């Protein structure tokens, strides 16, 4: 188990199964692919640009959370 301290939260212990981390990696990869497609389409569509911006923020938060749960060694 890993011990994590967050500035605004209590210390928590996190035990993350390997298959959960693999699923998280697949989700991040899939979201990255969708963002790539939206980036191309956003040149032609303002709506696609808006969706791209929203998903990019979500992916940033997902990447940040993944780094907190499993820091690079």
C-alpha atoms as a PDB file:
ATOM      1  CA  UNK A   1       0.000   0.000   0.000  1.00  0.00           C
ATOM      2  CA  UNK A   2       1.111   3.530  -0.690  1.00  0.00           C
ATOM      3  CA  UNK A   3       0.698   6.404   1.735  1.00  0.00           C
ATOM      4  CA  UNK A   4      -0.406   9.681   0.165  1.00  0.00           C
ATOM      5  CA  UNK A   5      -0.628  13.100   1.780  1.00  0.00           C
ATOM      6  CA  UNK A   6      -2.642  15.777   0.019  1.00  0.00           C
ATOM      7  CA  UNK A   7      -2.504  19.416   1.125  1.00  0.00           C
ATOM      8  CA  UNK A   8      -6.262  19.679   1.614  1.00  0.00           C
ATOM      9  CA  UNK A   9      -6.949  16.083   2.595  1.00  0.00           C
ATOM     10  CA  UNK A  10      -6.021  13.607   5.276  1.00  0.00           C
ATOM     11  CA  UNK A  11      -3.331  11.005   4.666  1.00  0.00           C
ATOM     12  CA  UNK A  12      -4.833   8.045   2.844  1.00  0.00           C
ATOM     13  CA  UNK A  13      -3.541   4.584   2.036  1.00  0.00           C
ATOM     14  CA  UNK A  14      -3.986   3.434  -1.497  1.00  0.00           C
ATOM     15  CA  UNK A  15      -3.709  -0.153  -2.714  1.00  0.00           C
ATOM     16  CA  UNK A  16      -4.297  -0.223  -6.451  1.00  0.00           C
ATOM     17  CA  UNK A  17      -4.726  -3.525  -8.295  1.00  0.00           C
ATOM     18  CA  UNK A  18      -2.557  -3.934 -11.407  1.00  0.00           C
ATOM     19  CA  UNK A  19      -5.580  -4.457 -13.672  1.00  0.00           C
ATOM     20  CA  UNK A  20      -6.987  -1.117 -12.510  1.00  0.00           C
ATOM     21  CA  UNK A  21      -3.765   0.635 -13.513  1.00  0.00           C
ATOM     22  CA  UNK A  22      -3.860  -1.112 -16.894  1.00  0.00           C
ATOM     23  CA  UNK A  23      -7.456   0.048 -17.394  1.00  0.00           C
ATOM     24  CA  UNK A  24      -6.434   3.588 -16.508  1.00  0.00           C
ATOM     25  CA  UNK A  25      -3.656   3.436 -19.113  1.00  0.00           C
ATOM     26  CA  UNK A  26      -6.125   2.217 -21.758  1.00  0.00           C
ATOM     27  CA  UNK A  27      -8.575   5.001 -20.886  1.00  0.00           C
ATOM     28  CA  UNK A  28      -5.810   7.609 -21.129  1.00  0.00           C
ATOM     29  CA  UNK A  29      -4.703   6.235 -24.512  1.00  0.00           C
ATOM     30  CA  UNK A  30      -8.264   6.194 -25.859  1.00  0.00           C
ATOM     31  CA  UNK A  31      -8.903   9.719 -24.660  1.00  0.00           C
ATOM     32  CA  UNK A  32      -5.652  10.821 -26.298  1.00  0.00           C
ATOM     33  CA  UNK A  33      -6.833   9.345 -29.603  1.00  0.00           C
ATOM     34  CA  UNK A  34     -10.189  11.114 -29.374  1.00  0.00           C
ATOM     35  CA  UNK A  35      -8.367  14.377 -28.611  1.00  0.00           C
ATOM     36  CA  UNK A  36      -6.200  13.923 -31.716  1.00  0.00           C
ATOM     37  CA  UNK A  37      -9.267  13.461 -33.905  1.00  0.00           C
ATOM     38  CA  UNK A  38     -11.017  16.438 -32.332  1.00  0.00           C
ATOM     39  CA  UNK A  39      -7.944  18.603 -32.852  1.00  0.00           C
ATOM     40  CA  UNK A  40      -8.089  17.937 -36.594  1.00  0.00           C
ATOM     41  CA  UNK A  41     -11.841  18.541 -36.756  1.00  0.00           C
ATOM     42  CA  UNK A  42     -11.664  21.652 -34.579  1.00  0.00           C
ATOM     43  CA  UNK A  43     -10.019  23.492 -37.464  1.00  0.00           C
ATOM     44  CA  UNK A  44     -13.359  23.240 -39.290  1.00  0.00           C
ATOM     45  CA  UNK A  45     -15.859  23.271 -36.456  1.00  0.00           C
ATOM     46  CA  UNK A  46     -16.158  25.564 -33.466  1.00  0.00           C
ATOM     47  CA  UNK A  47     -18.215  22.914 -31.649  1.00  0.00           C
ATOM     48  CA  UNK A  48     -15.394  20.387 -32.058  1.00  0.00           C
ATOM     49  CA  UNK A  49     -12.969  22.968 -30.721  1.00  0.00           C
ATOM     50  CA  UNK A  50     -15.121  23.423 -27.614  1.00  0.00           C
ATOM     51  CA  UNK A  51     -15.359  19.674 -27.023  1.00  0.00           C
ATOM     52  CA  UNK A  52     -11.603  19.355 -27.578  1.00  0.00           C
ATOM     53  CA  UNK A  53     -10.934  22.012 -24.927  1.00  0.00           C
ATOM     54  CA  UNK A  54     -13.214  20.327 -22.390  1.00  0.00           C
ATOM     55  CA  UNK A  55     -11.766  16.863 -22.978  1.00  0.00           C
ATOM     56  CA  UNK A  56      -8.223  18.230 -22.834  1.00  0.00           C
ATOM     57  CA  UNK A  57      -8.932  19.579 -19.338  1.00  0.00           C
ATOM     58  CA  UNK A  58     -10.411  16.236 -18.277  1.00  0.00           C
ATOM     59  CA  UNK A  59      -7.380  14.379 -19.658  1.00  0.00           C
ATOM     60  CA  UNK A  60      -5.035  16.724 -17.767  1.00  0.00           C
ATOM     61  CA  UNK A  61      -6.872  15.945 -14.538  1.00  0.00           C
ATOM     62  CA  UNK A  62      -6.835  12.221 -15.299  1.00  0.00           C
ATOM     63  CA  UNK A  63      -3.090  12.317 -16.001  1.00  0.00           C
ATOM     64  CA  UNK A  64      -2.496  14.254 -12.794  1.00  0.00           C
ATOM     65  CA  UNK A  65      -4.559  11.794 -10.763  1.00  0.00           C
ATOM     66  CA  UNK A  66      -2.743   8.825 -12.340  1.00  0.00           C
ATOM     67  CA  UNK A  67       0.606  10.404 -11.463  1.00  0.00           C
ATOM     68  CA  UNK A  68      -0.505  10.869  -7.856  1.00  0.00           C
ATOM     69  CA  UNK A  69      -1.682   7.272  -7.608  1.00  0.00           C
ATOM     70  CA  UNK A  70       1.358   5.771  -9.287  1.00  0.00           C
ATOM     71  CA  UNK A  71       4.303   8.207  -9.424  1.00  0.00           C
ATOM     72  CA  UNK A  72       7.051   7.561 -11.968  1.00  0.00           C
ATOM     73  CA  UNK A  73       9.981   5.876 -10.333  1.00  0.00           C
END
